[in-house]
Amino acid sequence: MHKKFFPLLMSGMAAFLTFFANSGISVNSWTAFYEPDIPECLKK
């Protein structure tokens, strides 16, 4: 049973991690909805 379940679990985990990595959530914003204000000196 493990020989059939383990590859399915690993491919599902890889798909989830790929989706999460490509979602655009950066280190500075812990959730998808919070984005901190950029200081004026860094906008230039």
Protein backbone atom coordinates (compact mmCIF):
# COMPACT_ATOMS: atom_id res chain seq x y z
CA MET A 1 0.00 0.00 0.00
CA HIS A 2 2.82 2.42 0.80
CA LYS A 3 4.33 1.93 -2.63
CA LYS A 4 1.17 3.35 -4.23
CA PHE A 5 0.42 6.04 -1.66
CA PHE A 6 3.88 7.55 -1.12
CA PRO A 7 4.47 8.78 -4.73
CA LEU A 8 0.99 10.30 -4.78
CA LEU A 9 1.66 12.08 -1.49
CA MET A 10 5.05 13.37 -2.67
CA SER A 11 3.69 14.63 -6.01
CA GLY A 12 0.83 16.38 -4.20
CA MET A 13 3.26 18.00 -1.78
CA ALA A 14 5.49 19.10 -4.66
CA ALA A 15 2.52 20.63 -6.47
CA PHE A 16 1.46 22.50 -3.32
CA LEU A 17 4.95 23.83 -2.65
CA THR A 18 5.31 24.91 -6.28
CA PHE A 19 2.02 26.78 -6.10
CA PHE A 20 3.03 28.42 -2.80
CA ALA A 21 6.43 29.45 -4.18
CA ASN A 22 4.83 31.04 -7.24
CA SER A 23 2.08 32.82 -5.32
CA GLY A 24 4.11 36.02 -4.91
CA ILE A 25 4.09 36.17 -1.13
CA SER A 26 7.37 37.79 -0.17
CA VAL A 27 9.31 37.60 3.06
CA ASN A 28 8.00 41.01 4.16
CA SER A 29 4.33 40.09 3.91
CA TRP A 30 3.28 37.07 5.95
CA THR A 31 -0.15 36.89 4.39
CA ALA A 32 -1.34 37.51 0.87
CA PHE A 33 -3.33 40.60 1.91
CA TYR A 34 -0.77 42.55 3.93
CA GLU A 35 1.77 44.67 2.09
CA PRO A 36 3.79 47.22 4.07
CA ASP A 37 4.15 50.80 2.86
CA ILE A 38 7.39 51.51 0.98
CA PRO A 39 9.28 54.53 2.34
CA GLU A 40 9.62 57.50 -0.01
CA CYS A 41 13.43 57.27 -0.07
CA LEU A 42 13.21 53.72 -1.44
CA LYS A 43 10.63 54.52 -4.13
CA LYS A 44 13.11 56.61 -6.13
